[in-house]
Amino acid sequence: MKTALAFLAAASLAVCLHAADFPAGSPKFTTQADAVLKATKENGKPTILVFSASWCGPCQEMKKDVYPSAAVKPFHNQFNWAYLDIDVEANSKLFESHKLESVPYLLFLDPAGKTIDQQEGGSSPDEFAQKLAKVLKKTETAKTASTN
C-alpha cells in the first residue's frame, strides 16, 4: 500500500514538473497567477496568462515551438508571462472564473489587470509574434488615453 501511494505521489509530481518544464530560450514563466499579477502591478508591463494542460497537444506545441521561437523572443521582456496548468486546482478555478472552455487559451492583460485581448487555440511563431505586437500597441494606446 505504501509503495502504491509513493508511486502515485511521484507520478503526480512528475506530471506537475513536466507541465512546468520549459525549453531553453523560453520567456520567464511563472506558474502562479498571483505572482504574475503582483509583478504586473510592480513593473507596469502587460501580462500573458497562458491556460494550458500537460495532456493538450496544441498547448505542448506552443510551449515547445512558439514561446521560445526567434519570432517571439523580442517580446519576452516586454510582458509578464504565466503558464497556468488547468489541472492545478487554483488555476482551474481561475480558468472557470473567466468562463473559458478550451486550452490553450491565452488572456492578455493590460498593466491594470484588465483583459485587452485573447487567443483561443494554438498559432505559429509568426502569428503569435503579430498578436504580441498588436497587444503592445493596444497597451500603449490605453496608456496614452489614460494620461490625456
C-alpha atoms as a PDB file:
ATOM      1  CA  MET A   1       0.000   0.000   0.000  1.00  0.00           C
ATOM      2  CA  LYS A   2       2.788   2.432   0.944  1.00  0.00           C
ATOM      3  CA  THR A   3       4.590   1.602  -2.281  1.00  0.00           C
ATOM      4  CA  ALA A   4       1.469   2.358  -4.323  1.00  0.00           C
ATOM      5  CA  LEU A   5       0.974   5.682  -2.539  1.00  0.00           C
ATOM      6  CA  ALA A   6       4.622   6.600  -3.050  1.00  0.00           C
ATOM      7  CA  PHE A   7       4.334   5.754  -6.749  1.00  0.00           C
ATOM      8  CA  LEU A   8       1.185   7.884  -7.122  1.00  0.00           C
ATOM      9  CA  ALA A   9       2.831  10.801  -5.339  1.00  0.00           C
ATOM     10  CA  ALA A  10       5.926  10.536  -7.547  1.00  0.00           C
ATOM     11  CA  ALA A  11       3.802  10.263 -10.698  1.00  0.00           C
ATOM     12  CA  SER A  12       1.772  13.336  -9.703  1.00  0.00           C
ATOM     13  CA  LEU A  13       4.932  15.308  -9.061  1.00  0.00           C
ATOM     14  CA  ALA A  14       6.393  14.186 -12.390  1.00  0.00           C
ATOM     15  CA  VAL A  15       3.273  15.389 -14.246  1.00  0.00           C
ATOM     16  CA  CYS A  16       3.415  18.767 -12.466  1.00  0.00           C
ATOM     17  CA  LEU A  17       7.119  19.164 -13.208  1.00  0.00           C
ATOM     18  CA  HIS A  18       6.627  18.094 -16.814  1.00  0.00           C
ATOM     19  CA  ALA A  19       3.868  20.655 -17.291  1.00  0.00           C
ATOM     20  CA  ALA A  20       6.133  23.421 -15.996  1.00  0.00           C
ATOM     21  CA  ASP A  21       9.282  22.243 -17.833  1.00  0.00           C
ATOM     22  CA  PHE A  22      10.086  24.935 -20.390  1.00  0.00           C
ATOM     23  CA  PRO A  23      12.507  24.591 -23.305  1.00  0.00           C
ATOM     24  CA  ALA A  24      15.675  26.657 -23.396  1.00  0.00           C
ATOM     25  CA  GLY A  25      15.024  30.098 -24.809  1.00  0.00           C
ATOM     26  CA  SER A  26      11.512  30.352 -23.366  1.00  0.00           C
ATOM     27  CA  PRO A  27      10.288  33.524 -21.725  1.00  0.00           C
ATOM     28  CA  LYS A  28      10.493  33.629 -17.935  1.00  0.00           C
ATOM     29  CA  PHE A  29       7.209  31.972 -16.995  1.00  0.00           C
ATOM     30  CA  THR A  30       5.730  31.886 -13.537  1.00  0.00           C
ATOM     31  CA  THR A  31       3.261  29.128 -12.781  1.00  0.00           C
ATOM     32  CA  GLN A  32       1.244  31.119 -10.253  1.00  0.00           C
ATOM     33  CA  ALA A  33      -1.344  33.712 -11.256  1.00  0.00           C
ATOM     34  CA  ASP A  34      -0.976  35.705  -8.027  1.00  0.00           C
ATOM     35  CA  ALA A  35       2.767  36.136  -8.587  1.00  0.00           C
ATOM     36  CA  VAL A  36       2.409  37.364 -12.163  1.00  0.00           C
ATOM     37  CA  LEU A  37      -0.378  39.786 -11.265  1.00  0.00           C
ATOM     38  CA  LYS A  38       1.785  41.194  -8.469  1.00  0.00           C
ATOM     39  CA  ALA A  39       4.661  41.633 -10.930  1.00  0.00           C
ATOM     40  CA  THR A  40       2.305  43.398 -13.341  1.00  0.00           C
ATOM     41  CA  LYS A  41       1.407  45.983 -10.719  1.00  0.00           C
ATOM     42  CA  GLU A  42       5.063  46.468  -9.817  1.00  0.00           C
ATOM     43  CA  ASN A  43       6.601  46.751 -13.288  1.00  0.00           C
ATOM     44  CA  GLY A  44       3.698  48.082 -15.372  1.00  0.00           C
ATOM     45  CA  LYS A  45       4.150  45.553 -18.167  1.00  0.00           C
ATOM     46  CA  PRO A  46       1.194  43.784 -19.776  1.00  0.00           C
ATOM     47  CA  THR A  47       0.652  40.167 -18.794  1.00  0.00           C
ATOM     48  CA  ILE A  48       0.008  36.962 -20.695  1.00  0.00           C
ATOM     49  CA  LEU A  49      -1.953  34.258 -18.883  1.00  0.00           C
ATOM     50  CA  VAL A  50      -1.465  31.004 -20.773  1.00  0.00           C
ATOM     51  CA  PHE A  51      -4.064  28.452 -19.690  1.00  0.00           C
ATOM     52  CA  SER A  52      -2.716  25.076 -20.657  1.00  0.00           C
ATOM     53  CA  ALA A  53      -2.541  21.384 -19.763  1.00  0.00           C
ATOM     54  CA  SER A  54       0.115  18.703 -19.994  1.00  0.00           C
ATOM     55  CA  TRP A  55      -2.291  16.456 -21.970  1.00  0.00           C
ATOM     56  CA  CYS A  56      -3.099  19.133 -24.574  1.00  0.00           C
ATOM     57  CA  GLY A  57      -1.181  18.630 -27.838  1.00  0.00           C
ATOM     58  CA  PRO A  58      -1.529  22.207 -29.158  1.00  0.00           C
ATOM     59  CA  CYS A  59      -0.511  23.541 -25.713  1.00  0.00           C
ATOM     60  CA  GLN A  60       2.676  21.498 -25.780  1.00  0.00           C
ATOM     61  CA  GLU A  61       3.420  22.579 -29.365  1.00  0.00           C
ATOM     62  CA  MET A  62       3.091  26.228 -28.329  1.00  0.00           C
ATOM     63  CA  LYS A  63       5.367  25.612 -25.336  1.00  0.00           C
ATOM     64  CA  LYS A  64       7.965  23.762 -27.419  1.00  0.00           C
ATOM     65  CA  ASP A  65       7.911  25.677 -30.713  1.00  0.00           C
ATOM     66  CA  VAL A  66       6.251  29.072 -30.321  1.00  0.00           C
ATOM     67  CA  TYR A  67       7.206  30.703 -26.997  1.00  0.00           C
ATOM     68  CA  PRO A  68      10.975  30.063 -27.404  1.00  0.00           C
ATOM     69  CA  SER A  69      10.961  30.884 -31.139  1.00  0.00           C
ATOM     70  CA  ALA A  70      13.103  33.576 -32.752  1.00  0.00           C
ATOM     71  CA  ALA A  71       9.924  35.414 -33.826  1.00  0.00           C
ATOM     72  CA  VAL A  72       8.638  35.646 -30.236  1.00  0.00           C
ATOM     73  CA  LYS A  73      11.984  36.173 -28.465  1.00  0.00           C
ATOM     74  CA  PRO A  74      11.972  40.001 -28.947  1.00  0.00           C
ATOM     75  CA  PHE A  75       8.768  40.123 -26.885  1.00  0.00           C
ATOM     76  CA  HIS A  76       9.986  38.058 -23.924  1.00  0.00           C
ATOM     77  CA  ASN A  77      10.958  41.022 -21.753  1.00  0.00           C
ATOM     78  CA  GLN A  78       8.009  43.188 -22.762  1.00  0.00           C
ATOM     79  CA  PHE A  79       5.453  41.035 -20.931  1.00  0.00           C
ATOM     80  CA  ASN A  80       4.914  39.235 -17.664  1.00  0.00           C
ATOM     81  CA  TRP A  81       4.301  35.571 -18.530  1.00  0.00           C
ATOM     82  CA  ALA A  82       2.253  32.993 -16.604  1.00  0.00           C
ATOM     83  CA  TYR A  83       1.859  29.382 -17.679  1.00  0.00           C
ATOM     84  CA  LEU A  84      -1.154  28.079 -15.788  1.00  0.00           C
ATOM     85  CA  ASP A  85      -1.847  24.348 -15.921  1.00  0.00           C
ATOM     86  CA  ILE A  86      -5.608  23.955 -15.540  1.00  0.00           C
ATOM     87  CA  ASP A  87      -5.125  20.595 -13.791  1.00  0.00           C
ATOM     88  CA  VAL A  88      -3.804  22.551 -10.798  1.00  0.00           C
ATOM     89  CA  GLU A  89      -6.797  23.449  -8.611  1.00  0.00           C
ATOM     90  CA  ALA A  90      -6.035  27.180  -8.183  1.00  0.00           C
ATOM     91  CA  ASN A  91      -5.531  27.595 -11.930  1.00  0.00           C
ATOM     92  CA  SER A  92      -8.646  25.568 -12.702  1.00  0.00           C
ATOM     93  CA  LYS A  93     -10.720  27.935 -10.561  1.00  0.00           C
ATOM     94  CA  LEU A  94      -9.268  30.970 -12.347  1.00  0.00           C
ATOM     95  CA  PHE A  95      -9.884  29.316 -15.731  1.00  0.00           C
ATOM     96  CA  GLU A  96     -13.510  28.642 -14.795  1.00  0.00           C
ATOM     97  CA  SER A  97     -13.994  32.140 -13.352  1.00  0.00           C
ATOM     98  CA  HIS A  98     -13.217  33.553 -16.812  1.00  0.00           C
ATOM     99  CA  LYS A  99     -15.786  31.138 -18.276  1.00  0.00           C
ATOM    100  CA  LEU A 100     -13.161  29.580 -20.536  1.00  0.00           C
ATOM    101  CA  GLU A 101     -13.820  26.184 -22.025  1.00  0.00           C
ATOM    102  CA  SER A 102     -10.760  25.084 -24.006  1.00  0.00           C
ATOM    103  CA  VAL A 103      -6.973  25.095 -23.942  1.00  0.00           C
ATOM    104  CA  PRO A 104      -4.719  26.565 -24.966  1.00  0.00           C
ATOM    105  CA  TYR A 105      -6.413  29.807 -24.065  1.00  0.00           C
ATOM    106  CA  LEU A 106      -4.422  32.987 -23.599  1.00  0.00           C
ATOM    107  CA  LEU A 107      -5.597  36.145 -21.907  1.00  0.00           C
ATOM    108  CA  PHE A 108      -3.644  39.348 -22.454  1.00  0.00           C
ATOM    109  CA  LEU A 109      -3.987  41.812 -19.591  1.00  0.00           C
ATOM    110  CA  ASP A 110      -3.036  45.466 -19.518  1.00  0.00           C
ATOM    111  CA  PRO A 111      -0.926  46.717 -16.589  1.00  0.00           C
ATOM    112  CA  ALA A 112      -4.143  47.464 -14.660  1.00  0.00           C
ATOM    113  CA  GLY A 113      -5.140  43.797 -14.965  1.00  0.00           C
ATOM    114  CA  LYS A 114      -7.951  44.290 -17.496  1.00  0.00           C
ATOM    115  CA  THR A 115      -8.298  41.857 -20.391  1.00  0.00           C
ATOM    116  CA  ILE A 116      -7.319  43.647 -23.608  1.00  0.00           C
ATOM    117  CA  ASP A 117      -7.128  40.649 -25.946  1.00  0.00           C
ATOM    118  CA  GLN A 118      -7.383  36.889 -26.022  1.00  0.00           C
ATOM    119  CA  GLN A 119      -6.440  33.896 -28.114  1.00  0.00           C
ATOM    120  CA  GLU A 120      -8.105  30.518 -28.271  1.00  0.00           C
ATOM    121  CA  GLY A 121      -6.047  27.691 -29.723  1.00  0.00           C
ATOM    122  CA  GLY A 122      -2.516  27.495 -30.992  1.00  0.00           C
ATOM    123  CA  SER A 123      -0.704  29.548 -33.599  1.00  0.00           C
ATOM    124  CA  SER A 124       2.555  29.660 -35.492  1.00  0.00           C
ATOM    125  CA  PRO A 125       5.505  31.638 -34.125  1.00  0.00           C
ATOM    126  CA  ASP A 126       4.950  34.416 -36.690  1.00  0.00           C
ATOM    127  CA  GLU A 127       1.214  34.652 -35.988  1.00  0.00           C
ATOM    128  CA  PHE A 128       1.875  34.789 -32.253  1.00  0.00           C
ATOM    129  CA  ALA A 129       4.534  37.487 -32.685  1.00  0.00           C
ATOM    130  CA  GLN A 130       1.987  39.543 -34.659  1.00  0.00           C
ATOM    131  CA  LYS A 131      -0.520  39.059 -31.830  1.00  0.00           C
ATOM    132  CA  LEU A 132       2.034  40.250 -29.269  1.00  0.00           C
ATOM    133  CA  ALA A 133       2.799  43.351 -31.327  1.00  0.00           C
ATOM    134  CA  LYS A 134      -0.927  44.078 -31.531  1.00  0.00           C
ATOM    135  CA  VAL A 135      -1.326  43.670 -27.759  1.00  0.00           C
ATOM    136  CA  LEU A 136       1.602  46.031 -27.100  1.00  0.00           C
ATOM    137  CA  LYS A 137       0.052  48.604 -29.425  1.00  0.00           C
ATOM    138  CA  LYS A 138      -3.282  48.319 -27.561  1.00  0.00           C
ATOM    139  CA  THR A 139      -1.438  48.708 -24.263  1.00  0.00           C
ATOM    140  CA  GLU A 140       0.348  51.857 -25.457  1.00  0.00           C
ATOM    141  CA  THR A 141      -2.909  53.285 -26.827  1.00  0.00           C
ATOM    142  CA  ALA A 142      -4.611  52.669 -23.477  1.00  0.00           C
ATOM    143  CA  LYS A 143      -1.711  54.275 -21.559  1.00  0.00           C
ATOM    144  CA  THR A 144      -1.795  57.340 -23.817  1.00  0.00           C
ATOM    145  CA  ALA A 145      -5.576  57.679 -23.454  1.00  0.00           C
ATOM    146  CA  SER A 146      -5.380  57.450 -19.648  1.00  0.00           C
ATOM    147  CA  THR A 147      -2.717  60.189 -19.396  1.00  0.00           C
ATOM    148  CA  ASN A 148      -4.647  62.661 -21.573  1.00  0.00           C
END
